[in-house]
Amino acid sequence: MDLTQCDPGARATIVAVDVPATAGLRLRELGLRPGAVVEVTHDVGATGRVVAVGAERFALDLPTCASVRVEVGR
């Protein structure tokens, strides 16, 4: 499952992030790395999702959301 399949309010654990190296580095700096628990706070339709990692909130575009594999309810 990836972040595009998560509804607002869903909490999930990141399993893998499959993006180019430069983007992967930036996402890890933001805390979006395997093992991190994220919550989808907003579904902004065709443009992506807003996710929370702890107290931080990030808007991710749809292709990036599709590249973040998660397990819901872990």
N, C-alpha and C. Protein backbone atom coordinates (compact mmCIF):
# COMPACT_ATOMS: atom_id res chain seq x y z
N MET A 1 0.86 -1.17 0.00
CA MET A 1 0.00 0.00 0.00
C MET A 1 0.90 1.23 0.00
N ASP A 2 0.43 2.31 -0.62
CA ASP A 2 1.19 3.56 -0.60
C ASP A 2 0.33 4.69 -0.04
N LEU A 3 0.92 5.86 0.12
CA LEU A 3 0.20 6.97 0.75
C LEU A 3 -1.01 7.44 -0.05
N THR A 4 -1.05 7.20 -1.36
CA THR A 4 -2.22 7.61 -2.15
C THR A 4 -3.46 6.82 -1.75
N GLN A 5 -3.27 5.67 -1.13
CA GLN A 5 -4.37 4.80 -0.74
C GLN A 5 -4.84 5.03 0.69
N CYS A 6 -4.21 5.95 1.39
CA CYS A 6 -4.56 6.23 2.78
C CYS A 6 -5.55 7.39 2.87
N ASP A 7 -6.60 7.19 3.63
CA ASP A 7 -7.59 8.24 3.86
C ASP A 7 -7.12 9.18 4.96
N PRO A 8 -7.66 10.40 5.00
CA PRO A 8 -7.34 11.31 6.11
C PRO A 8 -7.63 10.65 7.46
N GLY A 9 -6.72 10.84 8.38
CA GLY A 9 -6.85 10.24 9.70
C GLY A 9 -6.11 8.92 9.83
N ALA A 10 -5.71 8.33 8.70
CA ALA A 10 -4.99 7.04 8.74
C ALA A 10 -3.59 7.25 9.29
N ARG A 11 -3.20 6.35 10.18
CA ARG A 11 -1.82 6.32 10.69
C ARG A 11 -1.14 5.11 10.08
N ALA A 12 0.09 5.30 9.64
CA ALA A 12 0.80 4.22 8.97
C ALA A 12 2.30 4.31 9.27
N THR A 13 2.96 3.18 9.13
CA THR A 13 4.40 3.11 9.28
C THR A 13 5.03 3.02 7.90
N ILE A 14 6.01 3.87 7.64
CA ILE A 14 6.69 3.83 6.35
C ILE A 14 7.54 2.58 6.27
N VAL A 15 7.38 1.86 5.17
CA VAL A 15 8.15 0.64 4.92
C VAL A 15 9.30 0.92 3.96
N ALA A 16 9.05 1.72 2.93
CA ALA A 16 10.07 2.04 1.94
C ALA A 16 9.71 3.35 1.25
N VAL A 17 10.74 4.03 0.78
CA VAL A 17 10.56 5.26 0.01
C VAL A 17 11.35 5.08 -1.27
N ASP A 18 10.66 4.99 -2.40
CA ASP A 18 11.28 4.71 -3.69
C ASP A 18 11.28 5.97 -4.55
N VAL A 19 12.23 6.87 -4.26
CA VAL A 19 12.37 8.12 -5.00
C VAL A 19 13.84 8.28 -5.38
N PRO A 20 14.15 9.18 -6.33
CA PRO A 20 15.55 9.43 -6.66
C PRO A 20 16.36 9.83 -5.42
N ALA A 21 17.66 9.59 -5.49
CA ALA A 21 18.54 9.78 -4.33
C ALA A 21 18.43 11.17 -3.70
N THR A 22 18.43 12.21 -4.51
CA THR A 22 18.38 13.57 -3.96
C THR A 22 17.08 13.80 -3.21
N ALA A 23 15.97 13.39 -3.80
CA ALA A 23 14.67 13.55 -3.13
C ALA A 23 14.61 12.68 -1.88
N GLY A 24 15.17 11.47 -1.95
CA GLY A 24 15.19 10.58 -0.80
C GLY A 24 15.93 11.18 0.37
N LEU A 25 17.04 11.84 0.09
CA LEU A 25 17.81 12.50 1.15
C LEU A 25 16.96 13.57 1.82
N ARG A 26 16.30 14.39 1.02
CA ARG A 26 15.47 15.47 1.58
C ARG A 26 14.32 14.91 2.41
N LEU A 27 13.66 13.85 1.91
CA LEU A 27 12.56 13.24 2.66
C LEU A 27 13.05 12.67 3.98
N ARG A 28 14.22 12.04 3.98
CA ARG A 28 14.78 11.52 5.24
C ARG A 28 15.09 12.65 6.20
N GLU A 29 15.60 13.78 5.68
CA GLU A 29 15.86 14.94 6.54
C GLU A 29 14.58 15.44 7.20
N LEU A 30 13.46 15.30 6.50
CA LEU A 30 12.17 15.73 7.03
C LEU A 30 11.55 14.70 7.98
N GLY A 31 12.18 13.51 8.08
CA GLY A 31 11.66 12.48 8.97
C GLY A 31 10.84 11.42 8.26
N LEU A 32 10.73 11.51 6.95
CA LEU A 32 9.98 10.52 6.17
C LEU A 32 10.93 9.43 5.73
N ARG A 33 11.12 8.46 6.63
CA ARG A 33 12.06 7.36 6.39
C ARG A 33 11.44 6.06 6.89
N PRO A 34 11.94 4.92 6.43
CA PRO A 34 11.40 3.65 6.91
C PRO A 34 11.40 3.58 8.44
N GLY A 35 10.27 3.12 8.98
CA GLY A 35 10.10 3.01 10.43
C GLY A 35 9.35 4.19 11.03
N ALA A 36 9.29 5.32 10.31
CA ALA A 36 8.59 6.49 10.83
C ALA A 36 7.08 6.28 10.75
N VAL A 37 6.38 6.77 11.75
CA VAL A 37 4.91 6.72 11.76
C VAL A 37 4.40 8.04 11.23
N VAL A 38 3.54 7.97 10.21
CA VAL A 38 2.96 9.17 9.61
C VAL A 38 1.45 9.12 9.74
N GLU A 39 0.84 10.29 9.72
CA GLU A 39 -0.61 10.39 9.70
C GLU A 39 -1.01 11.25 8.51
N VAL A 40 -1.94 10.76 7.71
CA VAL A 40 -2.46 11.55 6.61
C VAL A 40 -3.47 12.52 7.22
N THR A 41 -3.18 13.82 7.11
CA THR A 41 -4.07 14.81 7.71
C THR A 41 -5.07 15.36 6.71
N HIS A 42 -4.68 15.44 5.44
CA HIS A 42 -5.57 15.97 4.40
C HIS A 42 -5.34 15.23 3.08
N ASP A 43 -6.42 14.95 2.40
CA ASP A 43 -6.37 14.43 1.03
C ASP A 43 -6.69 15.62 0.14
N VAL A 44 -5.72 16.04 -0.66
CA VAL A 44 -5.95 17.19 -1.53
C VAL A 44 -6.17 16.74 -2.97
N GLY A 45 -6.84 15.60 -3.09
CA GLY A 45 -7.25 15.09 -4.39
C GLY A 45 -6.10 14.76 -5.31
N ALA A 46 -6.20 15.25 -6.53
CA ALA A 46 -5.22 14.91 -7.57
C ALA A 46 -3.85 15.54 -7.33
N THR A 47 -3.74 16.41 -6.34
CA THR A 47 -2.45 17.05 -6.10
C THR A 47 -1.63 16.38 -5.01
N GLY A 48 -2.21 15.51 -4.19
CA GLY A 48 -1.42 14.78 -3.19
C GLY A 48 -2.06 14.69 -1.83
N ARG A 49 -1.21 14.68 -0.81
CA ARG A 49 -1.65 14.52 0.57
C ARG A 49 -0.84 15.45 1.47
N VAL A 50 -1.41 15.78 2.61
CA VAL A 50 -0.66 16.44 3.68
C VAL A 50 -0.48 15.37 4.75
N VAL A 51 0.77 15.18 5.18
CA VAL A 51 1.06 14.16 6.18
C VAL A 51 1.73 14.81 7.38
N ALA A 52 1.57 14.17 8.51
CA ALA A 52 2.20 14.62 9.75
C ALA A 52 3.20 13.57 10.21
N VAL A 53 4.35 14.06 10.63
CA VAL A 53 5.35 13.23 11.30
C VAL A 53 5.62 13.96 12.60
N GLY A 54 5.10 13.41 13.69
CA GLY A 54 5.18 14.13 14.95
C GLY A 54 4.38 15.42 14.85
N ALA A 55 4.99 16.54 15.21
CA ALA A 55 4.31 17.83 15.16
C ALA A 55 4.47 18.53 13.81
N GLU A 56 5.27 17.96 12.92
CA GLU A 56 5.52 18.57 11.61
C GLU A 56 4.49 18.14 10.59
N ARG A 57 4.16 19.04 9.66
CA ARG A 57 3.22 18.75 8.57
C ARG A 57 3.90 19.03 7.25
N PHE A 58 3.68 18.14 6.27
CA PHE A 58 4.29 18.28 4.95
C PHE A 58 3.27 17.99 3.88
N ALA A 59 3.30 18.78 2.82
CA ALA A 59 2.48 18.50 1.64
C ALA A 59 3.34 17.72 0.67
N LEU A 60 2.83 16.59 0.21
CA LEU A 60 3.54 15.76 -0.76
C LEU A 60 2.71 15.65 -2.03
N ASP A 61 3.36 15.76 -3.18
CA ASP A 61 2.64 15.62 -4.43
C ASP A 61 2.27 14.15 -4.65
N LEU A 62 1.35 13.92 -5.56
CA LEU A 62 0.83 12.57 -5.79
C LEU A 62 1.90 11.56 -6.21
N PRO A 63 2.83 11.91 -7.14
CA PRO A 63 3.87 10.93 -7.49
C PRO A 63 4.74 10.54 -6.29
N THR A 64 5.04 11.51 -5.42
CA THR A 64 5.84 11.18 -4.23
C THR A 64 5.04 10.29 -3.29
N CYS A 65 3.76 10.60 -3.10
CA CYS A 65 2.90 9.76 -2.25
C CYS A 65 2.86 8.32 -2.77
N ALA A 66 2.81 8.18 -4.08
CA ALA A 66 2.77 6.84 -4.68
C ALA A 66 4.08 6.09 -4.46
N SER A 67 5.15 6.81 -4.19
CA SER A 67 6.47 6.20 -3.98
C SER A 67 6.75 5.85 -2.53
N VAL A 68 5.86 6.25 -1.62
CA VAL A 68 6.05 5.97 -0.19
C VAL A 68 5.18 4.78 0.18
N ARG A 69 5.81 3.63 0.38
CA ARG A 69 5.11 2.40 0.76
C ARG A 69 4.91 2.38 2.27
N VAL A 70 3.69 2.03 2.70
CA VAL A 70 3.37 2.05 4.12
C VAL A 70 2.59 0.81 4.52
N GLU A 71 2.55 0.57 5.81
CA GLU A 71 1.69 -0.44 6.42
C GLU A 71 0.77 0.31 7.39
N VAL A 72 -0.51 0.23 7.16
CA VAL A 72 -1.48 0.93 8.01
C VAL A 72 -1.69 0.16 9.30
N GLY A 73 -1.81 0.92 10.41
CA GLY A 73 -2.14 0.32 11.69
C GLY A 73 -0.99 -0.34 12.41
N ARG A 74 0.21 -0.12 11.99
CA ARG A 74 1.36 -0.68 12.69
C ARG A 74 1.78 0.19 13.82
